[in-house]
Amino acid sequence: MIEKMEEKNPLIRLMQKFQKGARPVTHMGPFLPLLRIKERGLPFNDIMRNSKAMTEAALMSFEFDFESTVLPFDLNVEAEMLGARVLYHEGFDGNPVYPTIADKPFTTGDDIEIPDALAEKGRMPVILKTIASLKERARDKGAVGVYIPGPFTLAGQVLDIDRSLHCCRC
């Protein structure tokens, strides 16, 4: 019964179409081999903000026999596009620390305004340049995917959730 359901699932059919051998077709999310990044001298914060470093880090997925790579590597891009300030941390004891949001730019959902020209906001130009570079350099290696946080993750980055949900409590 499960096999019949899988045959009808368009995502599974699409993944099977592009699968090569027994290797997995897709990532579950962004993948960063931290030891390899350090060995290659790529500063962790550069792979979040610099297209060349981001491209090099993303290409490592193919070195580990994944059939795809996924960008961006952190969850803050959309919040940054809406006006949130991103903090880049130096790390602790030699371990990298992912970027975080400095403050919530909006008080309520009604305050949020979607800016014009989203592709030009925050790090989006860097990510778009990286995707173009990956499509060229990894043309025969596999797919290039993007990771987009869900609406509640994004809301938590740009709004004070306790304050926002307060009006919804019965």
N, C-alpha and C. Protein backbone atom coordinates (compact mmCIF):
# COMPACT_ATOMS: atom_id res chain seq x y z
N MET A 1 0.81 -1.19 0.00
CA MET A 1 0.00 0.00 0.00
C MET A 1 0.86 1.27 0.00
N ILE A 2 1.92 1.26 0.83
CA ILE A 2 2.80 2.43 0.88
C ILE A 2 3.50 2.62 -0.45
N GLU A 3 3.93 1.53 -1.08
CA GLU A 3 4.60 1.63 -2.38
C GLU A 3 3.69 2.28 -3.41
N LYS A 4 2.39 1.96 -3.40
CA LYS A 4 1.46 2.56 -4.35
C LYS A 4 1.31 4.06 -4.08
N MET A 5 1.28 4.45 -2.79
CA MET A 5 1.18 5.87 -2.46
C MET A 5 2.43 6.61 -2.92
N GLU A 6 3.61 6.00 -2.74
CA GLU A 6 4.85 6.63 -3.17
C GLU A 6 4.89 6.80 -4.68
N GLU A 7 4.33 5.84 -5.42
CA GLU A 7 4.30 5.95 -6.88
C GLU A 7 3.49 7.14 -7.33
N LYS A 8 2.49 7.55 -6.57
CA LYS A 8 1.64 8.68 -6.95
C LYS A 8 2.16 10.01 -6.44
N ASN A 9 3.10 9.99 -5.49
CA ASN A 9 3.62 11.22 -4.93
C ASN A 9 4.55 11.90 -5.94
N PRO A 10 4.19 13.11 -6.41
CA PRO A 10 5.01 13.75 -7.45
C PRO A 10 6.42 14.10 -6.97
N LEU A 11 6.59 14.44 -5.69
CA LEU A 11 7.93 14.75 -5.19
C LEU A 11 8.81 13.51 -5.24
N ILE A 12 8.29 12.38 -4.80
CA ILE A 12 9.06 11.14 -4.81
C ILE A 12 9.37 10.74 -6.25
N ARG A 13 8.40 10.88 -7.14
CA ARG A 13 8.66 10.54 -8.55
C ARG A 13 9.75 11.43 -9.14
N LEU A 14 9.71 12.73 -8.80
CA LEU A 14 10.72 13.66 -9.29
C LEU A 14 12.10 13.31 -8.74
N MET A 15 12.18 12.98 -7.45
CA MET A 15 13.45 12.60 -6.84
C MET A 15 13.99 11.33 -7.47
N GLN A 16 13.13 10.36 -7.72
CA GLN A 16 13.57 9.11 -8.33
C GLN A 16 14.06 9.33 -9.75
N LYS A 17 13.45 10.28 -10.45
CA LYS A 17 13.85 10.58 -11.83
C LYS A 17 15.30 11.05 -11.89
N PHE A 18 15.73 11.84 -10.91
CA PHE A 18 17.07 12.42 -10.93
C PHE A 18 18.07 11.66 -10.06
N GLN A 19 17.63 10.59 -9.43
CA GLN A 19 18.54 9.82 -8.57
C GLN A 19 19.55 9.06 -9.42
N LYS A 20 20.79 9.05 -8.96
CA LYS A 20 21.86 8.31 -9.65
C LYS A 20 22.33 7.23 -8.70
N GLY A 21 22.04 6.00 -8.99
CA GLY A 21 22.46 4.91 -8.11
C GLY A 21 21.72 4.95 -6.79
N ALA A 22 22.42 4.63 -5.72
CA ALA A 22 21.79 4.57 -4.40
C ALA A 22 22.02 5.84 -3.59
N ARG A 23 22.62 6.87 -4.20
CA ARG A 23 22.90 8.10 -3.46
C ARG A 23 21.61 8.88 -3.21
N PRO A 24 21.55 9.59 -2.08
CA PRO A 24 20.36 10.41 -1.82
C PRO A 24 20.30 11.57 -2.80
N VAL A 25 19.09 11.94 -3.18
CA VAL A 25 18.91 13.00 -4.15
C VAL A 25 18.92 14.38 -3.50
N THR A 26 18.31 14.52 -2.36
CA THR A 26 18.15 15.85 -1.79
C THR A 26 18.69 15.94 -0.37
N HIS A 27 18.98 17.14 0.00
CA HIS A 27 19.35 17.47 1.38
C HIS A 27 18.09 17.66 2.18
N MET A 28 18.24 17.60 3.48
CA MET A 28 17.14 18.00 4.35
C MET A 28 17.26 19.47 4.70
N GLY A 29 18.35 20.10 4.32
CA GLY A 29 18.58 21.52 4.58
C GLY A 29 20.01 21.87 4.25
N PRO A 30 20.44 23.07 4.58
CA PRO A 30 21.81 23.48 4.30
C PRO A 30 22.82 22.58 5.02
N PHE A 31 23.91 22.29 4.35
CA PHE A 31 24.94 21.39 4.86
C PHE A 31 26.26 22.14 4.87
N LEU A 32 26.92 22.19 6.02
CA LEU A 32 28.23 22.82 6.12
C LEU A 32 29.21 21.87 6.79
N PRO A 33 30.17 21.36 6.05
CA PRO A 33 31.21 20.52 6.66
C PRO A 33 32.23 21.42 7.36
N LEU A 34 32.01 21.68 8.63
CA LEU A 34 32.78 22.69 9.36
C LEU A 34 34.28 22.42 9.35
N LEU A 35 34.69 21.17 9.49
CA LEU A 35 36.12 20.86 9.49
C LEU A 35 36.75 21.19 8.14
N ARG A 36 36.08 20.81 7.04
CA ARG A 36 36.61 21.11 5.70
C ARG A 36 36.69 22.62 5.47
N ILE A 37 35.67 23.34 5.94
CA ILE A 37 35.67 24.79 5.77
C ILE A 37 36.88 25.40 6.47
N LYS A 38 37.14 24.93 7.68
CA LYS A 38 38.29 25.42 8.44
C LYS A 38 39.60 25.04 7.74
N GLU A 39 39.69 23.79 7.26
CA GLU A 39 40.91 23.33 6.58
C GLU A 39 41.21 24.17 5.35
N ARG A 40 40.19 24.62 4.67
CA ARG A 40 40.39 25.42 3.45
C ARG A 40 40.57 26.90 3.74
N GLY A 41 40.54 27.25 5.00
CA GLY A 41 40.78 28.65 5.37
C GLY A 41 39.63 29.58 5.06
N LEU A 42 38.43 29.05 4.97
CA LEU A 42 37.25 29.89 4.72
C LEU A 42 36.70 30.39 6.05
N PRO A 43 36.78 31.68 6.32
CA PRO A 43 36.20 32.19 7.57
C PRO A 43 34.69 31.95 7.58
N PHE A 44 34.19 31.43 8.69
CA PHE A 44 32.79 31.04 8.79
C PHE A 44 31.84 32.17 8.41
N ASN A 45 32.09 33.37 8.92
CA ASN A 45 31.18 34.48 8.60
C ASN A 45 31.24 34.89 7.13
N ASP A 46 32.36 34.63 6.47
CA ASP A 46 32.46 34.95 5.04
C ASP A 46 31.52 34.08 4.21
N ILE A 47 31.32 32.82 4.61
CA ILE A 47 30.43 31.97 3.82
C ILE A 47 28.98 32.39 3.95
N MET A 48 28.69 33.28 4.88
CA MET A 48 27.33 33.82 5.03
C MET A 48 27.14 35.09 4.21
N ARG A 49 28.26 35.80 3.89
CA ARG A 49 28.15 37.14 3.32
C ARG A 49 28.90 37.35 2.01
N ASN A 50 29.79 36.45 1.63
CA ASN A 50 30.64 36.64 0.48
C ASN A 50 30.32 35.58 -0.57
N SER A 51 30.00 35.99 -1.77
CA SER A 51 29.57 35.05 -2.80
C SER A 51 30.62 33.99 -3.12
N LYS A 52 31.89 34.39 -3.23
CA LYS A 52 32.93 33.43 -3.57
C LYS A 52 33.07 32.37 -2.48
N ALA A 53 33.12 32.80 -1.22
CA ALA A 53 33.24 31.86 -0.10
C ALA A 53 31.99 30.99 0.02
N MET A 54 30.82 31.58 -0.21
CA MET A 54 29.56 30.83 -0.14
C MET A 54 29.52 29.76 -1.24
N THR A 55 30.00 30.11 -2.42
CA THR A 55 30.04 29.15 -3.52
C THR A 55 30.97 27.99 -3.18
N GLU A 56 32.15 28.29 -2.67
CA GLU A 56 33.10 27.22 -2.31
C GLU A 56 32.51 26.29 -1.25
N ALA A 57 31.86 26.85 -0.25
CA ALA A 57 31.25 26.03 0.80
C ALA A 57 30.11 25.18 0.24
N ALA A 58 29.30 25.75 -0.63
CA ALA A 58 28.18 25.01 -1.21
C ALA A 58 28.65 23.87 -2.12
N LEU A 59 29.75 24.08 -2.83
CA LEU A 59 30.29 23.03 -3.71
C LEU A 59 30.75 21.81 -2.92
N MET A 60 31.05 21.98 -1.64
CA MET A 60 31.51 20.86 -0.83
C MET A 60 30.45 19.76 -0.70
N SER A 61 29.19 20.11 -0.83
CA SER A 61 28.13 19.10 -0.78
C SER A 61 28.35 18.02 -1.83
N PHE A 62 28.78 18.44 -3.03
CA PHE A 62 29.02 17.49 -4.11
C PHE A 62 30.24 16.62 -3.82
N GLU A 63 31.21 17.18 -3.11
CA GLU A 63 32.38 16.39 -2.73
C GLU A 63 32.00 15.24 -1.79
N PHE A 64 30.91 15.42 -1.06
CA PHE A 64 30.44 14.38 -0.14
C PHE A 64 29.37 13.50 -0.79
N ASP A 65 29.28 13.56 -2.12
CA ASP A 65 28.37 12.74 -2.92
C ASP A 65 26.89 13.05 -2.74
N PHE A 66 26.57 14.25 -2.26
CA PHE A 66 25.17 14.66 -2.32
C PHE A 66 24.88 15.04 -3.77
N GLU A 67 23.64 14.89 -4.18
CA GLU A 67 23.28 15.26 -5.55
C GLU A 67 22.67 16.64 -5.62
N SER A 68 22.76 17.38 -4.51
CA SER A 68 22.26 18.75 -4.51
C SER A 68 23.02 19.54 -3.46
N THR A 69 22.88 20.84 -3.54
CA THR A 69 23.40 21.74 -2.53
C THR A 69 22.31 22.75 -2.24
N VAL A 70 22.32 23.30 -1.04
CA VAL A 70 21.23 24.17 -0.60
C VAL A 70 21.80 25.46 -0.02
N LEU A 71 21.19 26.57 -0.37
CA LEU A 71 21.54 27.90 0.15
C LEU A 71 20.27 28.55 0.69
N PRO A 72 20.35 29.54 1.51
CA PRO A 72 21.52 30.01 2.25
C PRO A 72 21.83 29.07 3.40
N PHE A 73 22.90 29.38 4.14
CA PHE A 73 23.31 28.52 5.23
C PHE A 73 22.71 28.94 6.58
N ASP A 74 22.08 30.08 6.63
CA ASP A 74 21.45 30.52 7.87
C ASP A 74 20.00 30.92 7.58
N LEU A 75 19.23 31.13 8.63
CA LEU A 75 17.79 31.38 8.50
C LEU A 75 17.42 32.86 8.53
N ASN A 76 18.37 33.76 8.40
CA ASN A 76 18.11 35.17 8.64
C ASN A 76 17.91 36.03 7.41
N VAL A 77 18.02 35.46 6.24
CA VAL A 77 18.02 36.26 5.01
C VAL A 77 16.69 37.00 4.82
N GLU A 78 15.58 36.31 4.98
CA GLU A 78 14.28 36.96 4.77
C GLU A 78 14.02 38.03 5.81
N ALA A 79 14.38 37.76 7.07
CA ALA A 79 14.21 38.77 8.13
C ALA A 79 15.05 40.00 7.83
N GLU A 80 16.26 39.77 7.34
CA GLU A 80 17.13 40.89 6.98
C GLU A 80 16.52 41.71 5.84
N MET A 81 15.91 41.04 4.88
CA MET A 81 15.26 41.74 3.77
C MET A 81 14.11 42.62 4.26
N LEU A 82 13.49 42.21 5.36
CA LEU A 82 12.38 42.99 5.93
C LEU A 82 12.86 44.10 6.87
N GLY A 83 14.17 44.16 7.12
CA GLY A 83 14.71 45.25 7.93
C GLY A 83 15.38 44.83 9.22
N ALA A 84 15.41 43.55 9.55
CA ALA A 84 16.09 43.10 10.77
C ALA A 84 17.60 43.19 10.57
N ARG A 85 18.31 43.56 11.63
CA ARG A 85 19.77 43.63 11.60
C ARG A 85 20.33 42.28 12.03
N VAL A 86 21.28 41.77 11.23
CA VAL A 86 21.89 40.46 11.51
C VAL A 86 23.21 40.67 12.23
N LEU A 87 23.41 39.89 13.29
CA LEU A 87 24.68 39.91 14.03
C LEU A 87 25.52 38.72 13.62
N TYR A 88 26.77 38.97 13.29
CA TYR A 88 27.71 37.91 12.94
C TYR A 88 28.65 37.75 14.12
N HIS A 89 28.78 36.54 14.61
CA HIS A 89 29.55 36.27 15.82
C HIS A 89 30.90 35.66 15.46
N GLU A 90 31.90 35.96 16.26
CA GLU A 90 33.24 35.43 16.01
C GLU A 90 33.38 33.97 16.41
N GLY A 91 32.50 33.46 17.23
CA GLY A 91 32.59 32.07 17.65
C GLY A 91 33.22 31.95 19.01
N PHE A 92 33.19 30.74 19.54
CA PHE A 92 33.72 30.48 20.87
C PHE A 92 34.59 29.23 20.83
N ASP A 93 35.76 29.32 21.45
CA ASP A 93 36.68 28.19 21.52
C ASP A 93 36.94 27.57 20.15
N GLY A 94 37.03 28.42 19.13
CA GLY A 94 37.31 27.93 17.79
C GLY A 94 36.11 27.36 17.05
N ASN A 95 34.94 27.34 17.68
CA ASN A 95 33.74 26.83 17.05
C ASN A 95 32.91 27.97 16.48
N PRO A 96 32.43 27.82 15.26
CA PRO A 96 31.64 28.90 14.66
C PRO A 96 30.28 29.03 15.34
N VAL A 97 29.75 30.23 15.28
CA VAL A 97 28.40 30.50 15.79
C VAL A 97 27.61 31.13 14.65
N TYR A 98 26.45 30.56 14.39
CA TYR A 98 25.62 31.07 13.30
C TYR A 98 25.13 32.48 13.61
N PRO A 99 24.87 33.27 12.58
CA PRO A 99 24.37 34.63 12.78
C PRO A 99 23.00 34.61 13.46
N THR A 100 22.71 35.67 14.17
CA THR A 100 21.42 35.83 14.83
C THR A 100 20.84 37.20 14.50
N ILE A 101 19.58 37.38 14.84
CA ILE A 101 18.91 38.66 14.64
C ILE A 101 19.16 39.53 15.86
N ALA A 102 19.57 40.79 15.63
CA ALA A 102 19.92 41.70 16.72
C ALA A 102 18.69 42.19 17.48
N ASP A 103 17.65 42.56 16.76
CA ASP A 103 16.44 43.08 17.40
C ASP A 103 15.25 42.86 16.49
N LYS A 104 14.08 42.95 17.06
CA LYS A 104 12.84 42.75 16.30
C LYS A 104 12.43 44.11 15.70
N PRO A 105 12.41 44.23 14.39
CA PRO A 105 12.12 45.53 13.79
C PRO A 105 10.65 45.96 13.84
N PHE A 106 9.73 45.03 14.17
CA PHE A 106 8.31 45.37 14.16
C PHE A 106 7.66 45.03 15.48
N THR A 107 6.66 45.82 15.84
CA THR A 107 5.92 45.58 17.08
C THR A 107 4.76 44.64 16.85
N THR A 108 4.02 44.87 15.76
CA THR A 108 2.88 44.01 15.43
C THR A 108 2.96 43.64 13.95
N GLY A 109 2.17 42.66 13.57
CA GLY A 109 2.11 42.25 12.17
C GLY A 109 1.63 43.37 11.27
N ASP A 110 0.81 44.26 11.81
CA ASP A 110 0.31 45.39 11.01
C ASP A 110 1.42 46.37 10.65
N ASP A 111 2.52 46.36 11.40
CA ASP A 111 3.64 47.27 11.14
C ASP A 111 4.49 46.82 9.94
N ILE A 112 4.37 45.56 9.57
CA ILE A 112 5.24 45.01 8.52
C ILE A 112 4.82 45.53 7.16
N GLU A 113 5.81 46.07 6.46
CA GLU A 113 5.61 46.49 5.08
C GLU A 113 6.64 45.75 4.23
N ILE A 114 6.17 45.11 3.18
CA ILE A 114 7.08 44.40 2.28
C ILE A 114 7.74 45.44 1.38
N PRO A 115 9.07 45.55 1.45
CA PRO A 115 9.76 46.56 0.64
C PRO A 115 9.74 46.21 -0.85
N ASP A 116 9.88 47.22 -1.66
CA ASP A 116 10.03 47.02 -3.09
C ASP A 116 11.42 46.45 -3.35
N ALA A 117 11.60 45.85 -4.50
CA ALA A 117 12.91 45.35 -4.95
C ALA A 117 13.55 44.42 -3.92
N LEU A 118 12.82 43.40 -3.49
CA LEU A 118 13.34 42.46 -2.49
C LEU A 118 14.66 41.82 -2.91
N ALA A 119 14.84 41.60 -4.19
CA ALA A 119 16.07 40.96 -4.68
C ALA A 119 17.30 41.82 -4.43
N GLU A 120 17.11 43.08 -4.08
CA GLU A 120 18.23 43.99 -3.83
C GLU A 120 18.46 44.23 -2.35
N LYS A 121 17.68 43.62 -1.48
CA LYS A 121 17.74 43.88 -0.04
C LYS A 121 18.68 42.91 0.66
N GLY A 122 19.36 43.40 1.69
CA GLY A 122 20.20 42.56 2.54
C GLY A 122 21.21 41.77 1.74
N ARG A 123 21.32 40.49 2.05
CA ARG A 123 22.27 39.61 1.37
C ARG A 123 21.71 38.93 0.14
N MET A 124 20.48 39.24 -0.23
CA MET A 124 19.89 38.57 -1.38
C MET A 124 20.72 38.71 -2.65
N PRO A 125 21.32 39.87 -2.96
CA PRO A 125 22.17 39.93 -4.16
C PRO A 125 23.34 38.94 -4.10
N VAL A 126 23.93 38.75 -2.92
CA VAL A 126 25.04 37.81 -2.76
C VAL A 126 24.56 36.38 -3.00
N ILE A 127 23.40 36.05 -2.46
CA ILE A 127 22.85 34.70 -2.62
C ILE A 127 22.49 34.44 -4.07
N LEU A 128 21.88 35.40 -4.73
CA LEU A 128 21.54 35.22 -6.14
C LEU A 128 22.80 35.06 -7.00
N LYS A 129 23.85 35.82 -6.69
CA LYS A 129 25.12 35.68 -7.42
C LYS A 129 25.71 34.29 -7.17
N THR A 130 25.60 33.81 -5.94
CA THR A 130 26.12 32.48 -5.60
C THR A 130 25.35 31.40 -6.34
N ILE A 131 24.04 31.51 -6.40
CA ILE A 131 23.24 30.52 -7.12
C ILE A 131 23.64 30.48 -8.60
N ALA A 132 23.83 31.65 -9.19
CA ALA A 132 24.26 31.69 -10.60
C ALA A 132 25.62 31.03 -10.76
N SER A 133 26.54 31.30 -9.85
CA SER A 133 27.87 30.70 -9.91
C SER A 133 27.80 29.18 -9.76
N LEU A 134 26.97 28.72 -8.82
CA LEU A 134 26.82 27.28 -8.62
C LEU A 134 26.21 26.60 -9.84
N LYS A 135 25.22 27.24 -10.44
CA LYS A 135 24.60 26.66 -11.63
C LYS A 135 25.63 26.48 -12.73
N GLU A 136 26.56 27.40 -12.83
CA GLU A 136 27.61 27.32 -13.85
C GLU A 136 28.68 26.29 -13.47
N ARG A 137 29.17 26.37 -12.25
CA ARG A 137 30.29 25.51 -11.84
C ARG A 137 29.88 24.08 -11.52
N ALA A 138 28.63 23.88 -11.14
CA ALA A 138 28.18 22.53 -10.75
C ALA A 138 27.13 21.99 -11.71
N ARG A 139 27.17 22.47 -12.92
CA ARG A 139 26.16 22.12 -13.92
C ARG A 139 25.91 20.62 -14.03
N ASP A 140 26.97 19.83 -14.01
CA ASP A 140 26.81 18.38 -14.19
C ASP A 140 26.88 17.61 -12.87
N LYS A 141 26.94 18.31 -11.75
CA LYS A 141 27.07 17.64 -10.46
C LYS A 141 25.75 17.42 -9.75
N GLY A 142 24.80 18.31 -9.94
CA GLY A 142 23.52 18.16 -9.26
C GLY A 142 22.74 19.45 -9.18
N ALA A 143 21.71 19.40 -8.37
CA ALA A 143 20.77 20.52 -8.25
C ALA A 143 21.23 21.55 -7.23
N VAL A 144 20.76 22.77 -7.44
CA VAL A 144 20.99 23.85 -6.49
C VAL A 144 19.61 24.23 -5.93
N GLY A 145 19.48 24.11 -4.61
CA GLY A 145 18.21 24.42 -3.97
C GLY A 145 18.34 25.60 -3.03
N VAL A 146 17.20 26.09 -2.59
CA VAL A 146 17.18 27.18 -1.63
C VAL A 146 16.36 26.77 -0.41
N TYR A 147 16.75 27.31 0.72
CA TYR A 147 16.07 27.03 1.98
C TYR A 147 15.37 28.31 2.41
N ILE A 148 14.08 28.21 2.64
CA ILE A 148 13.28 29.36 3.06
C ILE A 148 12.59 29.00 4.36
N PRO A 149 12.77 29.80 5.41
CA PRO A 149 12.10 29.46 6.67
C PRO A 149 10.59 29.62 6.54
N GLY A 150 9.88 28.89 7.37
CA GLY A 150 8.44 28.98 7.37
C GLY A 150 7.94 30.29 7.97
N PRO A 151 6.65 30.55 7.86
CA PRO A 151 6.10 31.83 8.31
C PRO A 151 6.26 32.09 9.81
N PHE A 152 6.18 31.06 10.63
CA PHE A 152 6.30 31.29 12.07
C PHE A 152 7.75 31.54 12.47
N THR A 153 8.69 30.90 11.78
CA THR A 153 10.10 31.19 12.04
C THR A 153 10.40 32.63 11.68
N LEU A 154 9.95 33.06 10.52
CA LEU A 154 10.18 34.44 10.09
C LEU A 154 9.49 35.42 11.03
N ALA A 155 8.26 35.12 11.43
CA ALA A 155 7.55 36.01 12.36
C ALA A 155 8.33 36.13 13.67
N GLY A 156 8.89 35.04 14.15
CA GLY A 156 9.66 35.08 15.38
C GLY A 156 10.93 35.90 15.27
N GLN A 157 11.42 36.08 14.07
CA GLN A 157 12.63 36.87 13.86
C GLN A 157 12.35 38.36 13.77
N VAL A 158 11.17 38.73 13.32
CA VAL A 158 10.89 40.15 13.11
C VAL A 158 9.88 40.74 14.09
N LEU A 159 9.20 39.89 14.86
CA LEU A 159 8.18 40.35 15.80
C LEU A 159 8.44 39.80 17.19
N ASP A 160 8.00 40.53 18.20
CA ASP A 160 7.98 39.99 19.56
C ASP A 160 6.77 39.06 19.61
N ILE A 161 7.03 37.76 19.56
CA ILE A 161 5.96 36.77 19.46
C ILE A 161 5.00 36.84 20.65
N ASP A 162 5.52 36.98 21.87
CA ASP A 162 4.64 37.07 23.04
C ASP A 162 3.66 38.22 22.89
N ARG A 163 4.16 39.34 22.45
CA ARG A 163 3.30 40.52 22.27
C ARG A 163 2.31 40.30 21.13
N SER A 164 2.76 39.68 20.05
CA SER A 164 1.90 39.44 18.89
C SER A 164 0.79 38.45 19.21
N LEU A 165 1.11 37.41 19.97
CA LEU A 165 0.11 36.39 20.28
C LEU A 165 -0.80 36.79 21.43
N HIS A 166 -0.41 37.81 22.18
CA HIS A 166 -1.22 38.25 23.31
C HIS A 166 -2.64 38.60 22.89
N CYS A 167 -2.78 39.23 21.74
CA CYS A 167 -4.11 39.61 21.27
C CYS A 167 -4.95 38.40 20.88
N CYS A 168 -4.30 37.27 20.66
CA CYS A 168 -5.01 36.08 20.19
C CYS A 168 -5.46 35.17 21.34
N ARG A 169 -5.01 35.44 22.56
CA ARG A 169 -5.35 34.57 23.68
C ARG A 169 -6.80 34.76 24.07
N CYS A 170 -7.42 33.68 24.39
CA CYS A 170 -8.82 33.74 24.80
C CYS A 170 -8.94 33.80 26.30
